[in-house]
Structures are given as structure tokens and as C-alpha cells.
Amino acid sequence: HEKNWIDACKGGAPACSNFNYSGPLTEVVLLGNLAIRTEGHLLWDGPNMRVTNNEAANEFVRREYRQGWKL
């Protein structure tokens, strides 16, 4: 699986787990988990990666990294 992904990154054939569908699918699954965790209906602003009707839920969306660590 990893080799297939690396080959695709290097310009080979598209990966079996193509990001065109796996990215949005992962986002939907994670939002479902977030809705269960916060026990409510969430309104999601995808382009800004924010929940618009539950500020407490946004604490689970992004995390502040400790000093010296960053992406």
C-alpha cells in the first residue's frame, strides 16, 4: 500500500487510495466522530475548516503544538 502511494507521488499511476475521494471521505468520517463526541448537529465550513455553530467543537479540529514542534 505504501509503495503504491509513493509511486503515485513520484508521478506514476494514480494511487489505489486516490485523494480525490479519500480526502473528502476521511473528512466526513471525522466529522461524524466529532458530532458524536460533542453530542450535537454540526454546521461545517469546509474551506475554513471550522464548525460554525459550536465553538467548543473547534477545539477538536485543530491543535496547538508545543513550542519547538510545528507542521
Foldseek 3Di string as FASTA:
>chain_A
DVVQPVCVVVPHDARPCHCVPNVVVVVVVVVVVLCVVVVHDFDADVVVGDTDPDNVSVPVRDDDDDPPDDD
